[in-house]
Amino acid sequence: MTYRTDKLAGAILAGGLATRYGGAVKGDLDAGGGRTILQRLLAELAAAGIDEVIVSANDPAPYASLGRPVVADLRPGLGPLGGIEAALAHHAGRFDATVLLPCDLPGITAAQIGELAAAFRGGQGRIVVAETGDSSRHPLCSVVHNGLLSDVSAALDAGELSVGRLWHRLGAAAVRFDDETPFFNVNSPQDLAKWHEGIAD
């Protein structure tokens, strides 16, 4: 069965509790260059041609200044897959697929986003996911066809909350990146310090 691949929207997954960061809003952390991580992600998505972007979060207050729709989980408390369900539901009917990014990547650029989008548009699969290092996949850095909404919802119904396992079961195609730096996650104050001390460009 063929499926459309040309119309892509974006979703920044910002609904996590950030327990390792004391509950801080990680998207508001300093990415360098006078921008927060979220501001940088929005700019890089736009540079990659992804202009329609939502923030997936259950509390809209921290994101009001961004001027982007904040979409709450349809059923809160189920982790990133719950946010993905809400994002696909929001974009379904108007876009073919959703580019997913977590809110704690200060270094991903339009180049990597563009490679993921190109792989999806090239028909590599209904899901394409970034892969680095020793076959390490980054399931929240992916492009997912919105037609898979029913599969995501069915997994949640069954109590299957692992995004990586679901993408594997659904046959996700990997897009290989040799440089791991763009996929560096800020999960703690130590990670942010490490980013600013030398990983950052």
Protein backbone atom coordinates (compact mmCIF):
# COMPACT_ATOMS: atom_id res chain seq x y z
CA MET A 1 0.00 0.00 0.00
CA THR A 2 1.33 3.42 -0.92
CA TYR A 3 1.23 6.34 1.47
CA ARG A 4 1.79 10.04 1.05
CA THR A 5 5.08 11.44 2.31
CA ASP A 6 5.31 15.05 1.18
CA LYS A 7 3.54 17.10 3.87
CA LEU A 8 5.45 17.10 7.15
CA ALA A 9 4.69 18.88 10.42
CA GLY A 10 6.72 18.87 13.62
CA ALA A 11 6.27 18.16 17.31
CA ILE A 12 8.67 18.92 20.13
CA LEU A 13 8.10 16.47 22.97
CA ALA A 14 8.25 18.49 26.18
CA GLY A 15 5.94 16.59 28.49
CA GLY A 16 8.55 14.80 30.57
CA LEU A 17 8.92 15.32 34.31
CA ALA A 18 12.67 16.04 34.10
CA THR A 19 13.24 14.18 37.35
CA ARG A 20 17.02 14.16 36.87
CA TYR A 21 16.87 17.94 36.43
CA GLY A 22 14.78 18.64 39.51
CA GLY A 23 11.61 19.13 37.48
CA ALA A 24 13.00 22.07 35.49
CA VAL A 25 11.55 22.99 32.10
CA LYS A 26 14.41 21.62 30.03
CA GLY A 27 13.34 23.40 26.88
CA ASP A 28 14.00 26.70 28.64
CA LEU A 29 17.64 25.83 29.34
CA ASP A 30 20.38 27.81 27.63
CA ALA A 31 21.45 26.15 24.38
CA GLY A 32 24.08 28.81 23.69
CA GLY A 33 24.03 31.81 21.43
CA GLY A 34 21.41 33.53 23.56
CA ARG A 35 18.71 30.98 22.74
CA THR A 36 16.91 28.36 24.76
CA ILE A 37 16.87 24.76 23.58
CA LEU A 38 13.28 25.13 22.40
CA GLN A 39 14.04 28.32 20.50
CA ARG A 40 16.93 26.60 18.79
CA LEU A 41 14.85 23.54 17.92
CA LEU A 42 12.14 25.70 16.38
CA ALA A 43 14.72 27.59 14.32
CA GLU A 44 16.36 24.40 13.06
CA LEU A 45 13.02 22.83 12.18
CA ALA A 46 12.09 25.96 10.22
CA ALA A 47 15.46 25.88 8.43
CA ALA A 48 14.69 22.28 7.45
CA GLY A 49 11.34 23.40 5.99
CA ILE A 50 9.18 22.23 8.89
CA ASP A 51 7.13 25.32 9.72
CA GLU A 52 4.02 23.88 11.36
CA VAL A 53 5.33 22.81 14.77
CA ILE A 54 3.53 22.10 18.03
CA VAL A 55 4.87 21.68 21.54
CA SER A 56 3.62 18.47 23.14
CA ALA A 57 3.16 19.31 26.84
CA ASN A 58 0.47 19.16 29.48
CA ASP A 59 1.19 22.57 31.00
CA PRO A 60 1.02 25.36 28.40
CA ALA A 61 2.29 28.13 30.69
CA PRO A 62 6.07 27.67 30.17
CA TYR A 63 5.65 27.78 26.39
CA ALA A 64 3.26 30.71 25.95
CA SER A 65 5.97 33.07 24.70
CA LEU A 66 6.86 30.76 21.80
CA GLY A 67 3.63 31.49 19.96
CA ARG A 68 3.15 27.83 19.06
CA PRO A 69 0.23 25.53 19.82
CA VAL A 70 0.72 23.52 22.99
CA VAL A 71 -1.02 20.16 22.69
CA ALA A 72 -1.78 18.15 25.82
CA ASP A 73 -1.74 14.36 25.98
CA LEU A 74 -5.06 12.71 25.26
CA ARG A 75 -4.38 10.54 28.31
CA PRO A 76 -1.70 12.03 30.58
CA GLY A 77 0.81 10.04 32.54
CA LEU A 78 1.81 7.55 29.86
CA GLY A 79 5.19 9.02 28.98
CA PRO A 80 6.52 10.07 25.57
CA LEU A 81 4.26 7.70 23.67
CA GLY A 82 1.25 9.54 25.09
CA GLY A 83 2.67 12.78 23.72
CA ILE A 84 3.29 11.15 20.37
CA GLU A 85 -0.31 9.97 20.24
CA ALA A 86 -1.53 13.52 20.84
CA ALA A 87 0.86 14.95 18.24
CA LEU A 88 -0.15 12.49 15.52
CA ALA A 89 -3.82 13.09 16.31
CA HIS A 90 -3.32 16.85 16.10
CA HIS A 91 -1.64 16.69 12.67
CA ALA A 92 -3.67 13.85 11.14
CA GLY A 93 -5.82 14.89 8.22
CA ARG A 94 -3.72 17.95 7.38
CA PHE A 95 -0.23 16.48 7.20
CA ASP A 96 1.17 13.13 6.14
CA ALA A 97 3.72 12.69 8.90
CA THR A 98 5.21 14.27 12.01
CA VAL A 99 8.85 15.01 12.69
CA LEU A 100 9.42 14.23 16.36
CA LEU A 101 12.17 15.77 18.49
CA PRO A 102 12.67 15.72 22.27
CA CYS A 103 13.00 19.07 24.04
CA ASP A 104 16.47 18.36 25.45
CA LEU A 105 18.63 18.35 22.31
CA PRO A 106 20.65 21.58 22.20
CA GLY A 107 22.73 20.58 19.18
CA ILE A 108 20.56 18.99 16.50
CA THR A 109 20.53 21.03 13.31
CA ALA A 110 18.53 21.41 10.12
CA ALA A 111 21.03 19.07 8.44
CA GLN A 112 20.10 16.07 10.57
CA ILE A 113 16.40 16.94 10.52
CA GLY A 114 16.60 17.26 6.75
CA GLU A 115 18.26 13.84 6.41
CA LEU A 116 15.50 12.22 8.43
CA ALA A 117 12.84 14.00 6.37
CA ALA A 118 14.54 13.04 3.10
CA ALA A 119 14.73 9.38 4.15
CA PHE A 120 11.03 9.41 4.98
CA ARG A 121 10.09 11.16 1.76
CA GLY A 122 12.28 8.70 -0.12
CA GLY A 123 10.06 5.87 1.03
CA GLN A 124 12.43 4.12 3.45
CA GLY A 125 9.49 3.39 5.74
CA ARG A 126 6.48 4.71 7.57
CA ILE A 127 8.86 5.42 10.45
CA VAL A 128 12.46 6.54 10.15
CA VAL A 129 14.60 6.94 13.24
CA ALA A 130 18.06 8.37 13.90
CA GLU A 131 20.83 5.89 14.70
CA THR A 132 24.32 6.65 16.01
CA GLY A 133 27.30 4.88 17.54
CA ASP A 134 27.08 1.15 18.00
CA SER A 135 23.61 0.88 16.47
CA SER A 136 22.14 3.14 19.17
CA ARG A 137 18.74 4.36 18.08
CA HIS A 138 17.10 7.60 19.16
CA PRO A 139 13.39 6.77 18.93
CA LEU A 140 12.28 10.30 19.84
CA CYS A 141 14.28 11.65 16.89
CA SER A 142 12.11 10.25 14.17
CA VAL A 143 9.61 10.89 11.42
CA VAL A 144 6.34 9.00 11.84
CA HIS A 145 3.48 8.66 9.38
CA ASN A 146 0.32 10.04 10.94
CA GLY A 147 -1.55 7.01 9.65
CA LEU A 148 0.13 5.04 12.43
CA LEU A 149 -1.94 6.84 15.04
CA SER A 150 -4.15 3.77 15.49
CA ASP A 151 -1.06 1.61 16.12
CA VAL A 152 0.22 4.04 18.74
CA SER A 153 -3.18 4.18 20.42
CA ALA A 154 -3.47 0.38 20.38
CA ALA A 155 -0.05 0.06 22.03
CA LEU A 156 -1.11 2.47 24.77
CA ASP A 157 -4.36 0.54 25.22
CA ALA A 158 -2.27 -2.59 25.74
CA GLY A 159 0.05 -0.90 28.24
CA GLU A 160 3.00 -0.87 25.83
CA LEU A 161 4.77 2.39 26.62
CA SER A 162 8.23 1.92 25.09
CA VAL A 163 8.60 4.06 21.99
CA GLY A 164 11.71 2.18 20.86
CA ARG A 165 10.08 -1.24 21.10
CA LEU A 166 6.98 -0.04 19.25
CA TRP A 167 9.00 1.53 16.44
CA HIS A 168 10.98 -1.72 16.13
CA ARG A 169 7.80 -3.77 15.97
CA LEU A 170 6.39 -1.46 13.30
CA GLY A 171 9.50 -1.87 11.15
CA ALA A 172 11.20 1.50 11.61
CA ALA A 173 14.05 2.22 9.21
CA ALA A 174 17.28 3.60 10.65
CA VAL A 175 19.03 6.69 9.32
CA ARG A 176 22.70 6.44 10.23
CA PHE A 177 24.60 9.45 11.62
CA ASP A 178 28.33 9.10 12.30
CA ASP A 179 28.49 12.22 14.49
CA GLU A 180 26.77 11.67 17.83
CA THR A 181 27.09 15.29 19.00
CA PRO A 182 23.78 16.54 17.54
CA PHE A 183 21.95 13.88 19.54
CA PHE A 184 23.48 14.77 22.91
CA ASN A 185 20.71 14.89 25.52
CA VAL A 186 20.67 17.32 28.44
CA ASN A 187 19.26 15.28 31.30
CA SER A 188 21.04 16.92 34.24
CA PRO A 189 22.92 20.10 35.23
CA GLN A 190 26.12 18.14 34.62
CA ASP A 191 25.05 17.43 31.06
CA LEU A 192 24.34 21.11 30.43
CA ALA A 193 27.75 22.05 31.84
CA LYS A 194 29.39 19.46 29.61
CA TRP A 195 27.55 20.90 26.61
CA HIS A 196 28.74 24.42 27.31
CA GLU A 197 32.30 23.30 28.12
CA GLY A 198 33.08 21.81 24.78
CA ILE A 199 30.43 19.81 23.02
CA ALA A 200 28.62 22.98 21.94
CA ASP A 201 29.58 24.58 18.67
